[in-house]
Amino acid sequence: MGADARTTGGVELASSGLGEAGMAARIHQDRSRPFMTKADSPAQPGPIIIARHGEPDADRRARMDWRGYVDWWAAYDRAGLKPGQSAPDSLVEQAAMAKTLYSSTLPRAIETARAAVGDRPIEHDALFVEAPLPPPPLPLKLQARTWGVYARCSWWLGFSRDGESRAQAEVRAAAAAEKLVEASQDGAVALFAHGWFNRMLRPQLKAQGWTCVRDGGDGYWSWRRYELKR
């Protein structure tokens, strides 16, 4: 991979048309109302709904060494949702009132969005893909879900192998938050993305005055609602 093609979650950031400088240029300087209603006014920015994808079709209990986890994660990013799932009614209701719909470019996020909004137009953007999980080279055989914990901790502390670093992902999260805020000027926005990257959006939105007024947790199909508090 060339120096200009950063990879995150198996997707090259270059595919979104953004290098690091391009993403930086896009950056500008609980539960009191759990659901959106038709009374929400377009006179001020609409709320931002951020959802996590449904359960992926992957075996998180499979055991492997760190090299095996590299392959497992690549397959995970190619996988869609486990069959037999449906979007929660609360998420369907929120998404129905959103004027703008986004998802990441990964299959699990795209399928989640489709389950929630049907055939409505959705913009798929690699800006919203999950932060990477490069496993540290430990001489162990562990379950995939355990490797995920080790990989996230080591990545957070600075280990990125040849992929997107934490600092680069934070720049991307700032650009992603800005995109959501800009879209909210036209009404409510819904994003279907990923557990960790959604967490990285929180401080970015908070810094711009947005408050989480409905916190649905971090499980599959969970969602949060943010509103601008002036």
C-alpha atoms as a PDB file:
ATOM      1  CA  MET A   1       0.000   0.000   0.000  1.00  0.00           C
ATOM      2  CA  GLY A   2       1.343   3.442  -0.905  1.00  0.00           C
ATOM      3  CA  ALA A   3       1.889   6.199   1.593  1.00  0.00           C
ATOM      4  CA  ASP A   4      -1.235   8.032   0.455  1.00  0.00           C
ATOM      5  CA  ALA A   5      -3.617   5.096   0.903  1.00  0.00           C
ATOM      6  CA  ARG A   6      -4.444   4.655   4.576  1.00  0.00           C
ATOM      7  CA  THR A   7      -6.418   1.519   5.398  1.00  0.00           C
ATOM      8  CA  THR A   8      -9.053   1.292   8.099  1.00  0.00           C
ATOM      9  CA  GLY A   9     -11.246  -1.732   8.645  1.00  0.00           C
ATOM     10  CA  GLY A  10     -10.145  -3.105   5.260  1.00  0.00           C
ATOM     11  CA  VAL A  11     -11.133   0.046   3.342  1.00  0.00           C
ATOM     12  CA  GLU A  12      -8.626   2.480   1.902  1.00  0.00           C
ATOM     13  CA  LEU A  13      -9.296   6.051   2.949  1.00  0.00           C
ATOM     14  CA  ALA A  14      -8.117   7.054  -0.481  1.00  0.00           C
ATOM     15  CA  SER A  15     -11.269   5.457  -1.852  1.00  0.00           C
ATOM     16  CA  SER A  16     -13.273   8.243  -0.260  1.00  0.00           C
ATOM     17  CA  GLY A  17     -11.187  10.826  -2.082  1.00  0.00           C
ATOM     18  CA  LEU A  18      -9.527  12.048   1.108  1.00  0.00           C
ATOM     19  CA  GLY A  19      -5.871  12.157   2.047  1.00  0.00           C
ATOM     20  CA  GLU A  20      -4.843  13.333   5.506  1.00  0.00           C
ATOM     21  CA  ALA A  21      -4.644  16.944   4.361  1.00  0.00           C
ATOM     22  CA  GLY A  22      -7.981  16.669   2.612  1.00  0.00           C
ATOM     23  CA  MET A  23      -9.646  15.336   5.711  1.00  0.00           C
ATOM     24  CA  ALA A  24      -8.081  18.007   7.889  1.00  0.00           C
ATOM     25  CA  ALA A  25      -9.476  20.644   5.553  1.00  0.00           C
ATOM     26  CA  ARG A  26     -12.993  19.379   6.259  1.00  0.00           C
ATOM     27  CA  ILE A  27     -12.702  20.154   9.987  1.00  0.00           C
ATOM     28  CA  HIS A  28     -14.079  23.376  11.504  1.00  0.00           C
ATOM     29  CA  GLN A  29     -13.164  25.117  14.296  1.00  0.00           C
ATOM     30  CA  ASP A  30     -29.462  11.612  29.229  1.00  0.00           C
ATOM     31  CA  ARG A  31     -32.276  10.751  27.748  1.00  0.00           C
ATOM     32  CA  SER A  32     -34.694  13.578  28.259  1.00  0.00           C
ATOM     33  CA  ARG A  33     -36.258  13.265  24.770  1.00  0.00           C
ATOM     34  CA  PRO A  34     -35.840   9.652  23.739  1.00  0.00           C
ATOM     35  CA  PHE A  35     -37.573   9.854  20.390  1.00  0.00           C
ATOM     36  CA  MET A  36     -37.801  12.214  17.450  1.00  0.00           C
ATOM     37  CA  THR A  37     -41.237  13.601  16.738  1.00  0.00           C
ATOM     38  CA  LYS A  38     -42.732  15.303  13.727  1.00  0.00           C
ATOM     39  CA  ALA A  39     -42.784  18.478  15.787  1.00  0.00           C
ATOM     40  CA  ASP A  40     -38.986  18.776  15.485  1.00  0.00           C
ATOM     41  CA  SER A  41     -38.445  22.081  13.752  1.00  0.00           C
ATOM     42  CA  PRO A  42     -36.243  22.520  10.664  1.00  0.00           C
ATOM     43  CA  ALA A  43     -35.687  26.139  11.797  1.00  0.00           C
ATOM     44  CA  GLN A  44     -32.666  24.903  13.781  1.00  0.00           C
ATOM     45  CA  PRO A  45     -30.282  22.024  13.018  1.00  0.00           C
ATOM     46  CA  GLY A  46     -32.024  18.686  13.085  1.00  0.00           C
ATOM     47  CA  PRO A  47     -31.012  15.946  15.506  1.00  0.00           C
ATOM     48  CA  ILE A  48     -28.254  13.485  14.631  1.00  0.00           C
ATOM     49  CA  ILE A  49     -28.969   9.785  15.113  1.00  0.00           C
ATOM     50  CA  ILE A  50     -25.919   7.513  15.237  1.00  0.00           C
ATOM     51  CA  ALA A  51     -26.527   3.757  15.152  1.00  0.00           C
ATOM     52  CA  ARG A  52     -24.309   0.716  15.447  1.00  0.00           C
ATOM     53  CA  HIS A  53     -24.691  -2.122  12.954  1.00  0.00           C
ATOM     54  CA  GLY A  54     -26.477  -5.399  13.670  1.00  0.00           C
ATOM     55  CA  GLU A  55     -24.710  -8.653  14.555  1.00  0.00           C
ATOM     56  CA  PRO A  56     -22.212  -9.633  11.837  1.00  0.00           C
ATOM     57  CA  ASP A  57     -22.072 -13.121  10.356  1.00  0.00           C
ATOM     58  CA  ALA A  58     -18.756 -14.055  11.994  1.00  0.00           C
ATOM     59  CA  ASP A  59     -17.552 -16.475  14.685  1.00  0.00           C
ATOM     60  CA  ARG A  60     -16.036 -14.389  17.461  1.00  0.00           C
ATOM     61  CA  ARG A  61     -15.219 -17.531  19.489  1.00  0.00           C
ATOM     62  CA  ALA A  62     -12.868 -18.994  16.887  1.00  0.00           C
ATOM     63  CA  ARG A  63      -9.304 -19.432  18.224  1.00  0.00           C
ATOM     64  CA  MET A  64      -6.222 -18.300  16.330  1.00  0.00           C
ATOM     65  CA  ASP A  65      -2.796 -16.712  16.611  1.00  0.00           C
ATOM     66  CA  TRP A  66      -2.225 -13.039  15.843  1.00  0.00           C
ATOM     67  CA  ARG A  67      -1.636 -13.728  12.142  1.00  0.00           C
ATOM     68  CA  GLY A  68      -4.888 -15.637  12.026  1.00  0.00           C
ATOM     69  CA  TYR A  69      -6.639 -12.659  13.568  1.00  0.00           C
ATOM     70  CA  VAL A  70      -5.356 -10.394  10.789  1.00  0.00           C
ATOM     71  CA  ASP A  71      -7.109 -12.708   8.311  1.00  0.00           C
ATOM     72  CA  TRP A  72     -10.177 -13.021  10.535  1.00  0.00           C
ATOM     73  CA  TRP A  73     -10.588  -9.240  10.723  1.00  0.00           C
ATOM     74  CA  ALA A  74     -10.275  -8.904   6.950  1.00  0.00           C
ATOM     75  CA  ALA A  75     -13.025 -11.524   6.530  1.00  0.00           C
ATOM     76  CA  TYR A  76     -15.126  -9.766   9.173  1.00  0.00           C
ATOM     77  CA  ASP A  77     -15.000  -6.573   7.135  1.00  0.00           C
ATOM     78  CA  ARG A  78     -16.263  -8.498   4.097  1.00  0.00           C
ATOM     79  CA  ALA A  79     -19.104 -10.127   6.015  1.00  0.00           C
ATOM     80  CA  GLY A  80     -22.685  -8.956   6.142  1.00  0.00           C
ATOM     81  CA  LEU A  81     -25.185  -9.495   8.934  1.00  0.00           C
ATOM     82  CA  LYS A  82     -26.068 -12.817  10.506  1.00  0.00           C
ATOM     83  CA  PRO A  83     -29.383 -13.991   8.979  1.00  0.00           C
ATOM     84  CA  GLY A  84     -32.694 -13.598  10.770  1.00  0.00           C
ATOM     85  CA  GLN A  85     -32.239 -10.119  12.235  1.00  0.00           C
ATOM     86  CA  SER A  86     -34.476  -7.101  11.917  1.00  0.00           C
ATOM     87  CA  ALA A  87     -34.033  -3.485  12.897  1.00  0.00           C
ATOM     88  CA  PRO A  88     -35.630  -2.414  16.217  1.00  0.00           C
ATOM     89  CA  ASP A  89     -38.845  -0.448  15.837  1.00  0.00           C
ATOM     90  CA  SER A  90     -37.330   2.530  17.663  1.00  0.00           C
ATOM     91  CA  LEU A  91     -34.476   2.756  15.156  1.00  0.00           C
ATOM     92  CA  VAL A  92     -36.840   2.372  12.193  1.00  0.00           C
ATOM     93  CA  GLU A  93     -38.971   5.193  13.614  1.00  0.00           C
ATOM     94  CA  GLN A  94     -36.002   7.526  14.018  1.00  0.00           C
ATOM     95  CA  ALA A  95     -34.572   6.763  10.590  1.00  0.00           C
ATOM     96  CA  ALA A  96     -37.963   7.354   8.960  1.00  0.00           C
ATOM     97  CA  MET A  97     -37.845  10.971  10.108  1.00  0.00           C
ATOM     98  CA  ALA A  98     -34.258  11.598   8.969  1.00  0.00           C
ATOM     99  CA  LYS A  99     -33.835  13.704   5.857  1.00  0.00           C
ATOM    100  CA  THR A 100     -30.248  12.581   5.253  1.00  0.00           C
ATOM    101  CA  LEU A 101     -29.019   8.996   5.597  1.00  0.00           C
ATOM    102  CA  TYR A 102     -25.397   7.837   5.782  1.00  0.00           C
ATOM    103  CA  SER A 103     -23.635   4.535   6.298  1.00  0.00           C
ATOM    104  CA  SER A 104     -20.065   3.370   6.198  1.00  0.00           C
ATOM    105  CA  THR A 105     -18.976   1.415   3.127  1.00  0.00           C
ATOM    106  CA  LEU A 106     -18.652  -1.894   4.993  1.00  0.00           C
ATOM    107  CA  PRO A 107     -21.329  -4.563   4.314  1.00  0.00           C
ATOM    108  CA  ARG A 108     -22.479  -4.889   7.928  1.00  0.00           C
ATOM    109  CA  ALA A 109     -23.260  -1.160   8.082  1.00  0.00           C
ATOM    110  CA  ILE A 110     -24.891  -1.054   4.648  1.00  0.00           C
ATOM    111  CA  GLU A 111     -27.143  -4.021   5.455  1.00  0.00           C
ATOM    112  CA  THR A 112     -28.083  -2.458   8.791  1.00  0.00           C
ATOM    113  CA  ALA A 113     -29.063   0.765   7.066  1.00  0.00           C
ATOM    114  CA  ARG A 114     -31.148  -1.117   4.493  1.00  0.00           C
ATOM    115  CA  ALA A 115     -32.922  -3.051   7.242  1.00  0.00           C
ATOM    116  CA  ALA A 116     -33.850   0.245   8.924  1.00  0.00           C
ATOM    117  CA  VAL A 117     -34.766   2.432   5.930  1.00  0.00           C
ATOM    118  CA  GLY A 118     -35.680   0.100   3.076  1.00  0.00           C
ATOM    119  CA  ASP A 119     -35.099   1.528  -0.386  1.00  0.00           C
ATOM    120  CA  ARG A 120     -34.524   5.147   0.606  1.00  0.00           C
ATOM    121  CA  PRO A 121     -31.329   6.757  -0.773  1.00  0.00           C
ATOM    122  CA  ILE A 122     -28.292   6.264   1.468  1.00  0.00           C
ATOM    123  CA  GLU A 123     -24.855   7.818   1.012  1.00  0.00           C
ATOM    124  CA  HIS A 124     -22.146   5.235   1.713  1.00  0.00           C
ATOM    125  CA  ASP A 125     -18.896   6.907   2.782  1.00  0.00           C
ATOM    126  CA  ALA A 126     -15.569   5.346   3.852  1.00  0.00           C
ATOM    127  CA  LEU A 127     -15.187   8.324   6.181  1.00  0.00           C
ATOM    128  CA  PHE A 128     -17.399   6.381   8.619  1.00  0.00           C
ATOM    129  CA  VAL A 129     -15.710   2.944   8.555  1.00  0.00           C
ATOM    130  CA  GLU A 130     -14.543   1.308  11.784  1.00  0.00           C
ATOM    131  CA  ALA A 131     -11.186   2.153  13.318  1.00  0.00           C
ATOM    132  CA  PRO A 132      -8.714  -0.667  12.566  1.00  0.00           C
ATOM    133  CA  LEU A 133      -7.779  -3.513  14.905  1.00  0.00           C
ATOM    134  CA  PRO A 134      -4.167  -4.567  14.242  1.00  0.00           C
ATOM    135  CA  PRO A 135      -3.291  -7.333  16.738  1.00  0.00           C
ATOM    136  CA  PRO A 136      -0.037  -7.104  18.680  1.00  0.00           C
ATOM    137  CA  PRO A 137       2.372  -9.956  17.799  1.00  0.00           C
ATOM    138  CA  LEU A 138       1.866 -11.970  20.988  1.00  0.00           C
ATOM    139  CA  PRO A 139       2.826 -15.694  21.079  1.00  0.00           C
ATOM    140  CA  LEU A 140      -0.721 -16.755  22.013  1.00  0.00           C
ATOM    141  CA  LYS A 141      -3.777 -18.466  20.600  1.00  0.00           C
ATOM    142  CA  LEU A 142      -6.903 -16.607  21.622  1.00  0.00           C
ATOM    143  CA  GLN A 143     -10.532 -16.241  20.636  1.00  0.00           C
ATOM    144  CA  ALA A 144     -11.213 -13.559  18.058  1.00  0.00           C
ATOM    145  CA  ARG A 145     -13.179 -11.505  20.582  1.00  0.00           C
ATOM    146  CA  THR A 146     -10.186 -11.538  22.970  1.00  0.00           C
ATOM    147  CA  TRP A 147      -7.806 -10.513  20.200  1.00  0.00           C
ATOM    148  CA  GLY A 148     -10.186  -7.634  19.539  1.00  0.00           C
ATOM    149  CA  VAL A 149      -9.710  -6.338  23.091  1.00  0.00           C
ATOM    150  CA  TYR A 150      -5.909  -6.650  22.930  1.00  0.00           C
ATOM    151  CA  ALA A 151      -5.814  -5.071  19.478  1.00  0.00           C
ATOM    152  CA  ARG A 152      -7.979  -2.107  20.489  1.00  0.00           C
ATOM    153  CA  CYS A 153      -5.918  -1.417  23.619  1.00  0.00           C
ATOM    154  CA  SER A 154      -2.588  -1.601  21.777  1.00  0.00           C
ATOM    155  CA  TRP A 155      -3.939   0.520  18.899  1.00  0.00           C
ATOM    156  CA  TRP A 156      -5.157   3.141  21.366  1.00  0.00           C
ATOM    157  CA  LEU A 157      -1.660   3.251  22.873  1.00  0.00           C
ATOM    158  CA  GLY A 158      -0.022   3.812  19.493  1.00  0.00           C
ATOM    159  CA  PHE A 159       0.437   0.424  17.761  1.00  0.00           C
ATOM    160  CA  SER A 160      -0.950   0.614  14.227  1.00  0.00           C
ATOM    161  CA  ARG A 161       1.346  -1.641  12.189  1.00  0.00           C
ATOM    162  CA  ASP A 162       0.997  -0.290   8.606  1.00  0.00           C
ATOM    163  CA  GLY A 163      -2.597   0.904   8.970  1.00  0.00           C
ATOM    164  CA  GLU A 164      -4.437   3.971  10.205  1.00  0.00           C
ATOM    165  CA  SER A 165      -3.108   5.278  13.507  1.00  0.00           C
ATOM    166  CA  ARG A 166      -5.192   6.581  16.386  1.00  0.00           C
ATOM    167  CA  ALA A 167      -4.158  10.153  15.539  1.00  0.00           C
ATOM    168  CA  GLN A 168      -5.230   9.696  11.922  1.00  0.00           C
ATOM    169  CA  ALA A 169      -8.540   8.158  13.010  1.00  0.00           C
ATOM    170  CA  GLU A 170      -9.181  11.133  15.288  1.00  0.00           C
ATOM    171  CA  VAL A 171      -8.681  13.461  12.332  1.00  0.00           C
ATOM    172  CA  ARG A 172     -11.126  11.318  10.373  1.00  0.00           C
ATOM    173  CA  ALA A 173     -13.642  11.381  13.242  1.00  0.00           C
ATOM    174  CA  ALA A 174     -13.478  15.183  13.325  1.00  0.00           C
ATOM    175  CA  ALA A 175     -14.161  15.298   9.586  1.00  0.00           C
ATOM    176  CA  ALA A 176     -17.007  12.798   9.969  1.00  0.00           C
ATOM    177  CA  ALA A 177     -18.606  14.835  12.762  1.00  0.00           C
ATOM    178  CA  GLU A 178     -18.349  17.958  10.631  1.00  0.00           C
ATOM    179  CA  LYS A 179     -20.095  16.187   7.763  1.00  0.00           C
ATOM    180  CA  LEU A 180     -22.959  15.161  10.049  1.00  0.00           C
ATOM    181  CA  VAL A 181     -23.266  18.672  11.493  1.00  0.00           C
ATOM    182  CA  GLU A 182     -23.325  20.231   8.032  1.00  0.00           C
ATOM    183  CA  ALA A 183     -26.058  17.826   6.903  1.00  0.00           C
ATOM    184  CA  SER A 184     -28.107  18.592  10.027  1.00  0.00           C
ATOM    185  CA  GLN A 185     -28.610  22.152   8.798  1.00  0.00           C
ATOM    186  CA  ASP A 186     -31.214  20.722   6.404  1.00  0.00           C
ATOM    187  CA  GLY A 187     -32.942  18.503   8.974  1.00  0.00           C
ATOM    188  CA  ALA A 188     -32.492  15.269  10.889  1.00  0.00           C
ATOM    189  CA  VAL A 189     -29.571  12.976  10.016  1.00  0.00           C
ATOM    190  CA  ALA A 190     -29.093   9.245  10.619  1.00  0.00           C
ATOM    191  CA  LEU A 191     -25.755   7.427  10.418  1.00  0.00           C
ATOM    192  CA  PHE A 192     -25.289   3.647  10.447  1.00  0.00           C
ATOM    193  CA  ALA A 193     -21.718   2.868  11.422  1.00  0.00           C
ATOM    194  CA  HIS A 194     -19.591   1.038  14.006  1.00  0.00           C
ATOM    195  CA  GLY A 195     -19.111   0.668  17.718  1.00  0.00           C
ATOM    196  CA  TRP A 196     -15.671   2.177  18.244  1.00  0.00           C
ATOM    197  CA  PHE A 197     -15.808   4.825  15.557  1.00  0.00           C
ATOM    198  CA  ASN A 198     -19.188   5.949  16.899  1.00  0.00           C
ATOM    199  CA  ARG A 199     -17.465   6.432  20.267  1.00  0.00           C
ATOM    200  CA  MET A 200     -14.831   8.555  18.590  1.00  0.00           C
ATOM    201  CA  LEU A 201     -17.549  10.820  17.202  1.00  0.00           C
ATOM    202  CA  ARG A 202     -18.877  11.667  20.682  1.00  0.00           C
ATOM    203  CA  PRO A 203     -16.176  14.132  21.818  1.00  0.00           C
ATOM    204  CA  GLN A 204     -16.157  15.716  18.371  1.00  0.00           C
ATOM    205  CA  LEU A 205     -19.885  16.430  18.524  1.00  0.00           C
ATOM    206  CA  LYS A 206     -19.694  17.538  22.156  1.00  0.00           C
ATOM    207  CA  ALA A 207     -16.982  20.045  21.254  1.00  0.00           C
ATOM    208  CA  GLN A 208     -19.413  21.634  18.783  1.00  0.00           C
ATOM    209  CA  GLY A 209     -22.188  21.940  21.370  1.00  0.00           C
ATOM    210  CA  TRP A 210     -24.100  18.705  20.697  1.00  0.00           C
ATOM    211  CA  THR A 211     -25.580  16.750  23.605  1.00  0.00           C
ATOM    212  CA  CYS A 212     -26.549  13.077  23.716  1.00  0.00           C
ATOM    213  CA  VAL A 213     -30.201  13.118  24.811  1.00  0.00           C
ATOM    214  CA  ARG A 214     -30.907   9.431  24.206  1.00  0.00           C
ATOM    215  CA  ASP A 215     -28.178   6.885  24.969  1.00  0.00           C
ATOM    216  CA  GLY A 216     -29.010   3.391  23.764  1.00  0.00           C
ATOM    217  CA  GLY A 217     -25.693   1.817  24.737  1.00  0.00           C
ATOM    218  CA  ASP A 218     -23.150   0.089  22.516  1.00  0.00           C
ATOM    219  CA  GLY A 219     -24.743  -3.248  21.613  1.00  0.00           C
ATOM    220  CA  TYR A 220     -25.722  -4.366  18.137  1.00  0.00           C
ATOM    221  CA  TRP A 221     -28.541  -2.225  16.688  1.00  0.00           C
ATOM    222  CA  SER A 222     -28.049   0.380  19.436  1.00  0.00           C
ATOM    223  CA  TRP A 223     -28.452   4.082  18.710  1.00  0.00           C
ATOM    224  CA  ARG A 224     -27.944   7.489  20.231  1.00  0.00           C
ATOM    225  CA  ARG A 225     -29.628  10.793  19.536  1.00  0.00           C
ATOM    226  CA  TYR A 226     -27.718  14.083  19.650  1.00  0.00           C
ATOM    227  CA  GLU A 227     -29.216  17.562  19.717  1.00  0.00           C
ATOM    228  CA  LEU A 228     -27.573  20.961  19.487  1.00  0.00           C
ATOM    229  CA  LYS A 229     -27.861  22.859  22.769  1.00  0.00           C
ATOM    230  CA  ARG A 230     -27.472  26.586  22.230  1.00  0.00           C
END
